[in-house]
Amino acid sequence: MSQFKVTKAVIPVAGLGTRFLPATKAMPKEMLPLIDKPVIQYVVEEAVSAGLQDVLMVTGRNKNTLENHFDRVAELEANLERKGDHDRLAKVMASTDLANIHYVRQGDPRGLGHAVLKAKAHIAEHSFALLLGDDVMDARDPLLTKMLELHESTGENVIALMEVDPSQIHLYGCAVTQGEVVDGVVRVTSLVEKPKTEEAPSNLAIIGRYVLRPEIFDILEETAPGRGGEIQLTDALMTAAQNPDRAGGVLGVVFKGRRYDTGDKLDFIKATLRIAVDREDIGQDLRQWLHEFNNEI
């Protein structure tokens, strides 16, 4: 087995979801449904599809329903079994049998870097994948598999990048790169967390997929609070990029596929529609309705 073979995924899900209040007052934002499946299940399925069966979720308060979703619901299963509703039973069981899922509490919400640090005991001395629960990558456009292969072959930290409109770069971490993009991969030399539009070094935004070496934990422990008074993963990755002998450098995979930002209300609606129009069960009827609705407006 390669020294940098990845078998574990970490998914931070401790956010409060304030942009979706009041819907998220008592329900985790990760449990909001994209049609008939919660956002978090899409993310876990992506990890599993890439070969990662060991998943650690870094949770916060009021996340019990999230844990329950991936647990057995014996009464529901028995009821569906009695009715002979095997299709729905299979869908219910799919989330239960999806992966070996563990949970750890973040406690105080001190930023993404702090949430990642909570995974240190579970990850130990191994590389790992980090998937942010707000970002859903379309299963037809694989990204994580390429990132894992790149990490295993190079031993470097790998982050996902996407070109965005320059006017939107202030909403993201931004990558400073060196050289040309070759086969969708570029060297990252530095990073800036949510720069002002006029000061952004590029329009390459960091999106929510990472493959990291375990040395990132040591760097995070030394990283002072940054933007917003929080421990920023971007700051730790900048240290890694500038000190490759310590923790490996940083490579970026430029993703050109379909990505859905479910942390934004408008993008959440767009994601629902984009996924729904390609569904065999409802896609054709929805496309027809959208055409009629477009004519109405």
Protein backbone atom coordinates (compact mmCIF):
# COMPACT_ATOMS: atom_id res chain seq x y z
CA MET A 1 0.00 0.00 0.00
CA SER A 2 1.21 3.47 -0.89
CA GLN A 3 2.43 5.61 1.99
CA PHE A 4 -0.18 8.15 0.94
CA LYS A 5 -3.11 5.79 0.40
CA VAL A 6 -6.30 7.41 1.74
CA THR A 7 -9.01 5.36 3.44
CA LYS A 8 -10.79 7.93 5.63
CA ALA A 9 -12.97 10.95 4.96
CA VAL A 10 -13.79 13.84 7.29
CA ILE A 11 -16.98 15.87 6.85
CA PRO A 12 -17.45 18.97 9.07
CA VAL A 13 -21.16 19.49 9.77
CA ALA A 14 -21.14 21.76 12.82
CA GLY A 15 -22.36 24.93 11.09
CA LEU A 16 -25.50 26.67 12.31
CA GLY A 17 -27.07 27.18 8.89
CA THR A 18 -28.23 30.70 9.69
CA ARG A 19 -28.84 31.53 6.02
CA PHE A 20 -31.70 29.04 5.97
CA LEU A 21 -33.51 30.12 9.12
CA PRO A 22 -36.17 29.38 10.22
CA ALA A 23 -35.95 26.02 8.40
CA THR A 24 -32.71 25.22 10.21
CA LYS A 25 -33.87 26.32 13.66
CA ALA A 26 -34.35 22.68 14.72
CA MET A 27 -32.97 20.80 11.70
CA PRO A 28 -29.34 20.72 10.54
CA LYS A 29 -28.80 22.48 7.24
CA GLU A 30 -27.13 19.30 5.97
CA MET A 31 -30.48 17.52 6.33
CA LEU A 32 -32.27 19.86 3.92
CA PRO A 33 -33.48 17.67 1.06
CA LEU A 34 -32.37 17.87 -2.52
CA ILE A 35 -35.60 16.36 -3.85
CA ASP A 36 -35.91 13.22 -1.68
CA LYS A 37 -32.43 12.83 -0.24
CA PRO A 38 -30.68 15.09 2.28
CA VAL A 39 -27.63 17.06 1.19
CA ILE A 40 -25.34 15.14 3.56
CA GLN A 41 -26.18 11.82 1.92
CA TYR A 42 -24.96 13.08 -1.46
CA VAL A 43 -21.65 14.02 0.17
CA VAL A 44 -21.23 10.68 1.94
CA GLU A 45 -22.11 8.84 -1.28
CA GLU A 46 -19.37 10.78 -3.06
CA ALA A 47 -16.82 9.67 -0.48
CA VAL A 48 -17.96 6.05 -0.71
CA SER A 49 -17.87 6.13 -4.52
CA ALA A 50 -14.23 7.20 -4.27
CA GLY A 51 -13.49 4.15 -2.09
CA LEU A 52 -13.67 5.82 1.34
CA GLN A 53 -15.83 3.70 3.64
CA ASP A 54 -14.59 5.22 6.93
CA VAL A 55 -16.31 8.58 7.45
CA LEU A 56 -15.92 10.93 10.43
CA MET A 57 -18.46 13.71 10.85
CA VAL A 58 -17.47 16.67 13.00
CA THR A 59 -20.79 17.73 14.48
CA GLY A 60 -22.19 20.43 16.73
CA ARG A 61 -25.31 21.01 18.75
CA ASN A 62 -28.74 20.03 17.38
CA LYS A 63 -27.27 17.48 14.98
CA ASN A 64 -29.08 14.41 16.35
CA THR A 65 -31.34 14.09 13.32
CA LEU A 66 -28.26 13.88 11.12
CA GLU A 67 -26.91 10.96 13.14
CA ASN A 68 -30.34 9.33 13.15
CA HIS A 69 -30.49 9.47 9.34
CA PHE A 70 -27.56 7.10 9.06
CA ASP A 71 -28.85 4.79 11.82
CA ARG A 72 -31.41 2.00 11.73
CA VAL A 73 -35.10 2.86 12.09
CA ALA A 74 -36.47 -0.57 12.93
CA GLU A 75 -40.14 0.41 13.14
CA LEU A 76 -40.09 2.14 9.74
CA GLU A 77 -38.23 -0.75 8.14
CA ALA A 78 -40.66 -3.31 9.57
CA ASN A 79 -43.65 -1.25 8.41
CA LEU A 80 -42.34 -1.02 4.85
CA GLU A 81 -41.52 -4.73 4.90
CA ARG A 82 -45.09 -5.60 5.96
CA LYS A 83 -46.51 -3.46 3.17
CA GLY A 84 -44.21 -5.06 0.63
CA ASP A 85 -42.86 -1.61 -0.27
CA HIS A 86 -39.43 -2.90 -1.18
CA ASP A 87 -38.41 0.12 -3.27
CA ARG A 88 -38.80 2.56 -0.37
CA LEU A 89 -37.30 0.04 2.04
CA ALA A 90 -34.20 -0.17 -0.16
CA LYS A 91 -33.91 3.64 -0.13
CA VAL A 92 -34.21 3.73 3.67
CA MET A 93 -31.61 1.00 4.08
CA ALA A 94 -29.23 2.66 1.62
CA SER A 95 -28.28 5.40 4.07
CA THR A 96 -27.94 2.91 6.93
CA ASP A 97 -25.56 0.63 5.04
CA LEU A 98 -23.71 3.36 3.19
CA ALA A 99 -20.50 3.63 5.24
CA ASN A 100 -18.86 3.13 8.62
CA ILE A 101 -19.73 6.52 10.10
CA HIS A 102 -18.25 8.01 13.27
CA TYR A 103 -19.01 11.27 15.06
CA VAL A 104 -17.06 13.77 17.13
CA ARG A 105 -18.28 17.09 18.55
CA GLN A 106 -16.53 20.32 17.68
CA GLY A 107 -17.80 22.16 20.75
CA ASP A 108 -17.05 25.85 20.32
CA PRO A 109 -17.44 26.90 16.66
CA ARG A 110 -13.97 28.34 16.08
CA GLY A 111 -13.71 27.90 12.34
CA LEU A 112 -13.09 25.21 9.74
CA GLY A 113 -9.48 24.73 10.84
CA HIS A 114 -10.64 24.05 14.39
CA ALA A 115 -13.22 21.54 13.12
CA VAL A 116 -10.53 19.71 11.14
CA LEU A 117 -8.34 19.54 14.25
CA LYS A 118 -11.10 17.59 15.99
CA ALA A 119 -10.44 14.76 13.54
CA LYS A 120 -6.80 14.32 14.57
CA ALA A 121 -7.32 11.40 16.97
CA HIS A 122 -9.39 9.48 14.42
CA ILE A 123 -7.10 10.12 11.47
CA ALA A 124 -3.80 9.60 13.36
CA GLU A 125 -0.77 9.44 11.05
CA HIS A 126 -2.62 8.99 7.79
CA SER A 127 -3.62 11.20 4.90
CA PHE A 128 -7.34 11.89 4.63
CA ALA A 129 -10.01 13.45 2.45
CA LEU A 130 -11.96 16.47 3.66
CA LEU A 131 -15.39 17.10 2.16
CA LEU A 132 -17.39 20.19 3.10
CA GLY A 133 -21.06 19.42 3.60
CA ASP A 134 -22.32 22.52 1.75
CA ASP A 135 -20.74 21.50 -1.55
CA VAL A 136 -22.42 18.82 -3.64
CA MET A 137 -20.50 17.61 -6.69
CA ASP A 138 -22.58 16.03 -9.44
CA ALA A 139 -21.89 12.30 -9.44
CA ARG A 140 -21.49 12.43 -13.23
CA ASP A 141 -18.45 14.70 -12.87
CA PRO A 142 -15.96 12.83 -10.65
CA LEU A 143 -13.51 15.02 -8.76
CA LEU A 144 -12.49 13.30 -5.53
CA THR A 145 -11.16 10.18 -7.27
CA LYS A 146 -8.74 12.28 -9.34
CA MET A 147 -7.62 14.15 -6.23
CA LEU A 148 -6.97 10.91 -4.34
CA GLU A 149 -4.96 9.48 -7.23
CA LEU A 150 -2.90 12.68 -7.47
CA HIS A 151 -2.18 12.67 -3.74
CA GLU A 152 -1.19 9.01 -3.73
CA SER A 153 1.21 9.47 -6.65
CA THR A 154 2.82 12.73 -5.46
CA GLY A 155 2.41 12.80 -1.67
CA GLU A 156 1.32 16.43 -1.86
CA ASN A 157 -1.74 18.10 -0.40
CA VAL A 158 -4.44 18.49 -3.04
CA ILE A 159 -7.21 21.09 -3.09
CA ALA A 160 -10.11 21.56 -5.48
CA LEU A 161 -10.25 24.82 -7.42
CA MET A 162 -12.88 26.32 -9.68
CA GLU A 163 -12.82 29.39 -11.88
CA VAL A 164 -15.42 31.92 -10.71
CA ASP A 165 -16.46 35.33 -11.93
CA PRO A 166 -13.90 37.80 -10.52
CA SER A 167 -16.75 39.70 -8.85
CA GLN A 168 -17.48 36.59 -6.74
CA ILE A 169 -13.95 35.73 -5.58
CA HIS A 170 -14.40 37.67 -2.32
CA LEU A 171 -16.77 34.88 -1.20
CA TYR A 172 -14.05 32.22 -1.37
CA GLY A 173 -10.53 31.30 -0.46
CA CYS A 174 -8.38 32.23 -3.45
CA ALA A 175 -5.36 30.41 -4.86
CA VAL A 176 -2.06 31.93 -5.98
CA THR A 177 -0.63 29.60 -8.62
CA GLN A 178 2.65 29.05 -10.45
CA GLY A 179 2.98 27.88 -14.02
CA GLU A 180 0.35 26.57 -16.38
CA VAL A 181 -2.57 24.28 -15.67
CA VAL A 182 -1.52 20.88 -17.04
CA ASP A 183 -4.14 18.12 -17.32
CA GLY A 184 -6.30 20.08 -14.93
CA VAL A 185 -3.57 20.36 -12.26
CA VAL A 186 -1.65 23.46 -11.13
CA ARG A 187 0.93 24.27 -8.46
CA VAL A 188 -0.42 26.40 -5.61
CA THR A 189 2.13 28.69 -3.97
CA SER A 190 -0.10 30.65 -1.61
CA LEU A 191 -3.73 31.22 -0.62
CA VAL A 192 -5.80 34.18 0.51
CA GLU A 193 -9.04 33.85 2.48
CA LYS A 194 -11.87 35.90 0.93
CA PRO A 195 -9.79 38.69 -0.63
CA LYS A 196 -11.23 42.00 -1.76
CA THR A 197 -12.17 41.78 -5.41
CA GLU A 198 -9.58 44.33 -6.49
CA GLU A 199 -6.84 42.56 -4.50
CA ALA A 200 -7.52 38.96 -5.55
CA PRO A 201 -4.46 37.29 -7.11
CA SER A 202 -6.61 35.09 -9.38
CA ASN A 203 -10.17 33.95 -10.03
CA LEU A 204 -9.41 30.40 -8.87
CA ALA A 205 -11.63 29.75 -5.87
CA ILE A 206 -11.11 26.96 -3.36
CA ILE A 207 -14.15 24.70 -3.27
CA GLY A 208 -15.01 22.14 -0.62
CA ARG A 209 -12.81 19.15 -1.44
CA TYR A 210 -9.32 18.52 -0.04
CA VAL A 211 -6.91 15.61 0.32
CA LEU A 212 -4.47 16.38 3.11
CA ARG A 213 -1.41 14.95 4.76
CA PRO A 214 -1.55 14.42 8.53
CA GLU A 215 1.08 17.13 9.08
CA ILE A 216 -1.70 19.64 8.50
CA PHE A 217 -2.83 18.95 12.07
CA ASP A 218 0.49 20.17 13.49
CA ILE A 219 0.25 23.30 11.38
CA LEU A 220 -3.32 23.95 12.48
CA GLU A 221 -2.31 23.67 16.13
CA GLU A 222 0.13 26.52 15.55
CA THR A 223 -2.18 28.62 13.37
CA ALA A 224 -3.44 31.78 15.04
CA PRO A 225 -7.05 32.88 14.53
CA GLY A 226 -7.38 34.70 11.25
CA ARG A 227 -10.28 36.21 9.35
CA GLY A 228 -13.38 36.44 11.53
CA GLY A 229 -11.38 35.49 14.60
CA GLU A 230 -11.51 31.83 13.51
CA ILE A 231 -8.82 29.25 12.81
CA GLN A 232 -8.76 29.15 9.03
CA LEU A 233 -7.80 26.04 7.11
CA THR A 234 -6.75 28.35 4.28
CA ASP A 235 -4.04 29.87 6.52
CA ALA A 236 -2.69 26.41 7.38
CA LEU A 237 -2.63 25.41 3.72
CA MET A 238 -0.74 28.60 2.91
CA THR A 239 1.92 27.52 5.41
CA ALA A 240 2.10 24.10 3.76
CA ALA A 241 2.37 25.64 0.30
CA GLN A 242 5.23 27.87 1.42
CA ASN A 243 7.00 25.14 3.41
CA PRO A 244 6.77 21.98 1.27
CA ASP A 245 9.59 20.25 3.14
CA ARG A 246 7.50 20.32 6.29
CA ALA A 247 4.13 19.06 5.14
CA GLY A 248 4.29 18.55 1.40
CA GLY A 249 3.37 21.25 -1.06
CA VAL A 250 -0.09 22.02 -2.42
CA LEU A 251 -1.47 21.09 -5.82
CA GLY A 252 -4.79 22.29 -7.17
CA VAL A 253 -7.18 20.31 -9.35
CA VAL A 254 -9.21 22.72 -11.47
CA PHE A 255 -12.75 21.38 -11.55
CA LYS A 256 -14.93 22.20 -14.55
CA GLY A 257 -17.87 19.98 -13.70
CA ARG A 258 -21.20 20.61 -12.00
CA ARG A 259 -21.00 21.86 -8.41
CA TYR A 260 -23.93 22.88 -6.25
CA ASP A 261 -23.44 25.29 -3.35
CA THR A 262 -26.26 24.21 -1.06
CA GLY A 263 -25.29 26.79 1.54
CA ASP A 264 -26.81 29.54 -0.61
CA LYS A 265 -30.59 29.79 -1.01
CA LEU A 266 -30.61 30.59 -4.72
CA ASP A 267 -27.98 27.97 -5.53
CA PHE A 268 -29.92 25.45 -3.44
CA ILE A 269 -32.98 25.98 -5.63
CA LYS A 270 -30.84 25.74 -8.78
CA ALA A 271 -29.28 22.50 -7.50
CA THR A 272 -32.69 20.99 -6.86
CA LEU A 273 -33.84 21.82 -10.39
CA ARG A 274 -30.62 20.71 -12.09
CA ILE A 275 -30.67 17.34 -10.39
CA ALA A 276 -34.42 16.90 -10.79
CA VAL A 277 -34.56 17.51 -14.55
CA ASP A 278 -32.26 14.53 -15.08
CA ARG A 279 -34.22 12.16 -12.86
CA GLU A 280 -35.95 9.33 -14.71
CA ASP A 281 -39.03 9.49 -12.47
CA ILE A 282 -39.78 13.23 -12.60
CA GLY A 283 -37.39 14.79 -15.10
CA GLN A 284 -39.58 14.78 -18.19
CA ASP A 285 -42.63 16.22 -16.42
CA LEU A 286 -40.51 18.85 -14.70
CA ARG A 287 -38.90 19.94 -17.96
CA GLN A 288 -42.33 20.37 -19.52
CA TRP A 289 -43.56 22.37 -16.52
CA LEU A 290 -40.45 24.58 -16.54
CA HIS A 291 -41.03 25.35 -20.20
CA GLU A 292 -44.63 26.33 -19.47
CA PHE A 293 -43.60 28.34 -16.40
CA ASN A 294 -40.96 30.19 -18.41
CA ASN A 295 -43.61 31.26 -20.88
CA GLU A 296 -45.74 32.55 -18.00
CA ILE A 297 -43.04 34.84 -16.66
